[in-house]
Amino acid sequence: MKNKILSALGSHPWAEALIWHNSIDSTNDEAKRLAAAGAPHGTVILAGHQSKGRGRIGRTFHSPEGKGVYCSVILRPQCKPEDLMHLTCAVGVAMCDAVEAVCGVRPGIKWINDLVLGNRKLGGILTELALDADGSVRYAVVGVGINCSHTQYDFPEELREIATSLEMATEKTADQAQLSAEIIKAFTETDKHLLRGKYGIMDRYRADCITIGKDIVVHTSQESFRGTALDVDPDGALVVRSDNGRIQAVQSGEVSVRGLYGYCQ
């Protein structure tokens, strides 16, 4: 698989830093280990299988062998963490670009990090930062998982009515090597504009975000409430009007969207 990905990348500047594992615990965990040891900006870790794939809020990401693209990238932007509040959003747009380039369909994004096709979850994004003593970003690790060739029964029972794959959604087999290459290319384009093109990135994120305008339930560590998603602000927070009329920016937590993933109340 590595040779196929390298062939699809051609002379891409990040090709030399590509690392392939047939199986690994987590590409994000490996990326963090390598980043802590000094691995350079643009190091890419790909795996055919993850035994301990991770998602947001301590969730697992189901990563069966040969069924998806599991990828993490090490970034070393010279900035403060507050300058990267939109990083997950930026990567979401990039992953939509990559899928569209290979498959001809563009996923939507459920705030903040789920790729969605046909009202089911296609993939997810996990961003993690490490800081230096002065508070600046030492490195960022961005992990992406996209379901490619799963059938419904390749998912655990609890995910079968929630998740989808490119093959399930399009009835075509996605070229995983080509998709991996397009993901890497999309990462590099995002990297070029990440700090100076924030507002343009966020305009594109809003266009892809299927949460805006929907009835939602918000679950944070402090409270749960119903409301309507109005917008996504420049830092990636979801602007919500609760049913009692209060408007607030939700920066963390879980959001259920009416009509998505089985939520219909």
Protein backbone atom coordinates (compact mmCIF):
# COMPACT_ATOMS: atom_id res chain seq x y z
CA MET A 1 0.00 0.00 0.00
CA LYS A 2 2.81 2.44 0.81
CA ASN A 3 4.25 2.16 -2.69
CA LYS A 4 0.81 2.80 -4.22
CA ILE A 5 0.37 5.90 -2.08
CA LEU A 6 3.84 7.17 -2.96
CA SER A 7 3.11 6.59 -6.65
CA ALA A 8 -0.09 8.62 -6.34
CA LEU A 9 1.79 11.40 -4.52
CA GLY A 10 4.57 11.66 -7.08
CA SER A 11 7.06 14.38 -6.11
CA HIS A 12 4.89 15.77 -3.31
CA PRO A 13 7.10 17.39 -0.64
CA TRP A 14 5.64 15.34 2.21
CA ALA A 15 6.15 12.00 0.46
CA GLU A 16 9.59 11.46 1.99
CA ALA A 17 8.17 11.72 5.51
CA LEU A 18 5.41 9.15 4.96
CA ILE A 19 5.40 6.23 7.41
CA TRP A 20 3.23 3.15 6.83
CA HIS A 21 2.18 0.54 9.40
CA ASN A 22 0.17 -2.54 8.52
CA SER A 23 -1.24 -2.37 12.05
CA ILE A 24 -0.75 0.00 14.96
CA ASP A 25 -2.47 0.96 18.20
CA SER A 26 -3.37 4.49 17.05
CA THR A 27 -1.90 6.69 14.34
CA ASN A 28 -2.42 9.72 16.58
CA ASP A 29 -0.59 8.07 19.47
CA GLU A 30 2.28 7.14 17.15
CA ALA A 31 2.35 10.68 15.77
CA LYS A 32 2.59 12.09 19.29
CA ARG A 33 5.43 9.70 20.13
CA LEU A 34 7.30 10.73 16.99
CA ALA A 35 6.57 14.43 17.47
CA ALA A 36 7.88 14.32 21.05
CA ALA A 37 11.06 12.73 19.67
CA GLY A 38 11.51 15.54 17.15
CA ALA A 39 9.82 14.29 13.97
CA PRO A 40 9.49 17.17 11.49
CA HIS A 41 6.51 19.15 10.28
CA GLY A 42 4.68 17.21 7.58
CA THR A 43 5.40 13.74 8.93
CA VAL A 44 2.51 11.48 7.88
CA ILE A 45 1.58 8.22 9.61
CA LEU A 46 -0.81 5.85 7.83
CA ALA A 47 -2.00 2.42 8.94
CA GLY A 48 -4.05 -0.39 7.49
CA HIS A 49 -5.53 -1.16 10.91
CA GLN A 50 -5.78 0.47 14.32
CA SER A 51 -6.28 -1.64 17.44
CA LYS A 52 -6.99 1.42 19.61
CA GLY A 53 -8.26 4.08 17.23
CA ARG A 54 -9.48 7.15 19.09
CA GLY A 55 -12.11 9.85 18.59
CA ARG A 56 -13.27 12.91 20.51
CA ILE A 57 -14.38 12.80 24.14
CA GLY A 58 -12.65 9.50 24.83
CA ARG A 59 -14.53 7.55 22.17
CA THR A 60 -13.03 4.77 20.08
CA PHE A 61 -12.84 4.86 16.28
CA HIS A 62 -13.58 1.48 14.74
CA SER A 63 -10.66 0.75 12.40
CA PRO A 64 -10.85 -2.74 10.85
CA GLU A 65 -8.02 -3.97 8.65
CA GLY A 66 -8.14 -2.82 5.04
CA LYS A 67 -11.51 -1.11 5.35
CA GLY A 68 -10.59 2.54 5.78
CA VAL A 69 -7.98 5.26 5.63
CA TYR A 70 -6.42 5.94 9.03
CA CYS A 71 -3.98 8.83 8.92
CA SER A 72 -2.27 11.28 11.27
CA VAL A 73 -0.08 14.27 10.44
CA ILE A 74 2.41 16.19 12.56
CA LEU A 75 2.23 19.97 12.18
CA ARG A 76 4.56 22.49 13.79
CA PRO A 77 2.91 25.89 13.29
CA GLN A 78 4.72 28.71 15.04
CA CYS A 79 1.83 30.25 16.92
CA LYS A 80 -0.17 30.36 20.12
CA PRO A 81 -2.93 27.78 20.73
CA GLU A 82 -5.61 30.45 20.40
CA ASP A 83 -4.51 30.87 16.77
CA LEU A 84 -5.47 27.23 16.09
CA MET A 85 -8.99 27.19 17.46
CA HIS A 86 -10.24 26.61 13.90
CA LEU A 87 -7.85 23.71 13.14
CA THR A 88 -10.45 20.94 13.32
CA CYS A 89 -12.76 22.94 11.05
CA ALA A 90 -9.95 23.54 8.56
CA VAL A 91 -9.15 19.84 8.40
CA GLY A 92 -12.84 19.01 7.99
CA VAL A 93 -13.00 21.13 4.84
CA ALA A 94 -9.78 19.57 3.57
CA MET A 95 -11.14 16.05 4.06
CA CYS A 96 -14.31 16.96 2.16
CA ASP A 97 -12.06 18.17 -0.66
CA ALA A 98 -10.12 14.89 -0.66
CA VAL A 99 -13.22 12.69 -0.72
CA GLU A 100 -14.78 14.78 -3.47
CA ALA A 101 -11.62 14.61 -5.57
CA VAL A 102 -11.57 10.80 -5.47
CA CYS A 103 -15.24 9.85 -5.27
CA GLY A 104 -17.10 12.74 -6.88
CA VAL A 105 -19.33 13.25 -3.84
CA ARG A 106 -18.83 15.85 -1.15
CA PRO A 107 -19.56 14.92 2.46
CA GLY A 108 -21.14 17.32 4.89
CA ILE A 109 -19.70 18.09 8.30
CA LYS A 110 -21.59 17.63 11.54
CA TRP A 111 -20.16 20.11 14.02
CA ILE A 112 -17.45 19.91 14.84
CA ASN A 113 -15.54 16.94 13.47
CA ASP A 114 -17.79 14.30 11.85
CA LEU A 115 -17.85 13.72 8.10
CA VAL A 116 -21.37 12.75 7.03
CA LEU A 117 -22.93 11.13 3.97
CA GLY A 118 -26.59 10.20 3.73
CA ASN A 119 -27.22 11.27 7.33
CA ARG A 120 -24.67 8.73 8.57
CA LYS A 121 -21.14 9.13 9.89
CA LEU A 122 -18.47 8.57 7.26
CA GLY A 123 -15.42 9.59 9.25
CA GLY A 124 -13.99 11.72 12.00
CA ILE A 125 -11.15 14.05 12.95
CA LEU A 126 -9.12 14.23 16.16
CA THR A 127 -6.77 17.18 16.81
CA GLU A 128 -4.34 17.27 19.72
CA LEU A 129 -1.84 19.96 20.74
CA ALA A 130 1.34 19.99 22.82
CA LEU A 131 2.66 23.28 24.22
CA ASP A 132 6.09 24.61 25.03
CA ALA A 133 6.92 26.19 28.37
CA ASP A 134 6.14 29.67 27.01
CA GLY A 135 2.63 28.59 26.01
CA SER A 136 3.27 28.42 22.27
CA VAL A 137 2.37 25.37 20.21
CA ARG A 138 5.15 22.80 20.19
CA TYR A 139 3.28 20.58 17.74
CA ALA A 140 -0.22 19.67 16.59
CA VAL A 141 -1.24 16.15 15.68
CA VAL A 142 -4.26 15.78 13.42
CA GLY A 143 -5.82 12.37 12.93
CA VAL A 144 -8.36 11.41 10.30
CA GLY A 145 -10.34 8.21 9.83
CA ILE A 146 -12.56 7.64 6.78
CA ASN A 147 -14.65 4.53 6.27
CA CYS A 148 -14.02 3.25 2.74
CA SER A 149 -15.08 -0.31 1.98
CA HIS A 150 -17.14 -1.33 5.01
CA THR A 151 -20.44 -3.12 4.57
CA GLN A 152 -23.05 -2.58 7.24
CA TYR A 153 -21.94 -5.76 8.99
CA ASP A 154 -18.32 -4.66 9.21
CA PHE A 155 -19.42 -2.18 11.87
CA PRO A 156 -20.18 -3.17 15.48
CA GLU A 157 -23.88 -3.63 16.06
CA GLU A 158 -24.19 -0.33 17.92
CA LEU A 159 -22.88 1.56 14.86
CA ARG A 160 -24.78 -0.20 12.07
CA GLU A 161 -27.63 2.33 11.93
CA ILE A 162 -25.31 5.29 12.45
CA ALA A 163 -22.21 4.74 10.31
CA THR A 164 -21.61 4.45 6.59
CA SER A 165 -18.70 3.99 4.20
CA LEU A 166 -17.87 5.37 0.78
CA GLU A 167 -18.76 2.03 -0.76
CA MET A 168 -22.12 1.89 1.05
CA ALA A 169 -22.96 5.49 0.12
CA THR A 170 -21.80 5.49 -3.51
CA GLU A 171 -22.00 1.78 -4.44
CA LYS A 172 -18.45 2.15 -5.79
CA THR A 173 -15.13 0.95 -4.42
CA ALA A 174 -12.92 3.87 -3.40
CA ASP A 175 -9.23 3.65 -4.27
CA GLN A 176 -7.71 3.85 -0.79
CA ALA A 177 -4.21 4.66 -2.03
CA GLN A 178 -5.53 7.54 -4.14
CA LEU A 179 -7.69 8.78 -1.26
CA SER A 180 -4.69 8.64 1.09
CA ALA A 181 -2.69 10.70 -1.40
CA GLU A 182 -5.49 13.25 -1.80
CA ILE A 183 -5.79 13.53 1.99
CA ILE A 184 -2.08 14.34 2.24
CA LYS A 185 -2.39 16.89 -0.58
CA ALA A 186 -5.40 18.46 1.14
CA PHE A 187 -3.46 18.65 4.41
CA THR A 188 -0.66 20.56 2.71
CA GLU A 189 -3.07 23.04 1.11
CA THR A 190 -4.69 23.61 4.50
CA ASP A 191 -1.28 24.08 6.09
CA LYS A 192 -0.43 26.84 3.59
CA HIS A 193 -3.48 28.91 4.55
CA LEU A 194 -4.09 27.82 8.13
CA LEU A 195 -2.87 30.94 9.94
CA ARG A 196 -3.43 33.64 7.31
CA GLY A 197 -6.54 32.33 5.58
CA LYS A 198 -8.71 31.64 8.61
CA TYR A 199 -11.78 33.58 7.50
CA GLY A 200 -11.85 32.02 4.05
CA ILE A 201 -11.48 28.57 5.61
CA MET A 202 -14.34 29.23 7.99
CA ASP A 203 -16.57 30.44 5.16
CA ARG A 204 -16.01 27.09 3.48
CA TYR A 205 -16.63 25.23 6.73
CA ARG A 206 -19.99 26.94 7.16
CA ALA A 207 -20.95 25.91 3.63
CA ASP A 208 -20.14 22.27 4.45
CA CYS A 209 -21.58 22.25 7.98
CA ILE A 210 -24.94 20.46 8.03
CA THR A 211 -25.55 21.43 11.69
CA ILE A 212 -26.30 25.10 10.94
CA GLY A 213 -30.03 25.80 10.90
CA LYS A 214 -30.93 22.49 12.57
CA ASP A 215 -32.76 21.71 15.81
CA ILE A 216 -30.18 20.31 18.19
CA VAL A 217 -29.53 19.08 21.72
CA VAL A 218 -26.29 20.28 23.31
CA HIS A 219 -24.54 18.24 26.00
CA THR A 220 -21.67 19.91 27.86
CA SER A 221 -19.97 19.07 31.14
CA GLN A 222 -22.16 21.70 32.83
CA GLU A 223 -25.57 21.27 31.19
CA SER A 224 -27.78 19.86 28.45
CA PHE A 225 -30.27 21.97 26.53
CA ARG A 226 -32.26 22.13 23.30
CA GLY A 227 -31.96 24.86 20.74
CA THR A 228 -31.22 25.84 17.16
CA ALA A 229 -27.75 26.05 15.60
CA LEU A 230 -27.41 29.54 14.12
CA ASP A 231 -23.82 29.74 12.92
CA VAL A 232 -20.20 28.74 13.49
CA ASP A 233 -18.00 31.59 14.68
CA PRO A 234 -14.48 32.33 13.35
CA ASP A 235 -12.89 30.18 16.06
CA GLY A 236 -15.07 27.17 15.29
CA ALA A 237 -17.54 27.52 18.17
CA LEU A 238 -21.17 26.66 17.41
CA VAL A 239 -23.49 29.63 17.93
CA VAL A 240 -26.73 28.33 19.42
CA ARG A 241 -30.04 29.90 20.36
CA SER A 242 -31.51 27.80 23.16
CA ASP A 243 -35.24 27.25 23.41
CA ASN A 244 -35.37 29.86 26.18
CA GLY A 245 -33.96 32.48 23.79
CA ARG A 246 -30.41 32.63 25.14
CA ILE A 247 -27.69 32.86 22.47
CA GLN A 248 -24.29 31.38 23.28
CA ALA A 249 -21.16 30.00 21.62
CA VAL A 250 -20.60 26.32 22.37
CA GLN A 251 -16.89 25.49 22.21
CA SER A 252 -16.91 21.91 23.45
CA GLY A 253 -19.25 19.05 24.21
CA GLU A 254 -21.53 16.89 22.10
CA VAL A 255 -24.31 18.04 19.79
CA SER A 256 -27.16 15.82 18.59
CA VAL A 257 -28.78 16.97 15.34
CA ARG A 258 -32.42 16.27 14.61
CA GLY A 259 -32.73 13.81 11.72
CA LEU A 260 -29.13 12.60 12.01
CA TYR A 261 -27.73 9.43 13.60
CA GLY A 262 -31.19 8.33 14.64
CA TYR A 263 -32.02 11.46 16.67
CA CYS A 264 -35.54 12.59 15.76
CA GLN A 265 -37.12 14.18 18.85
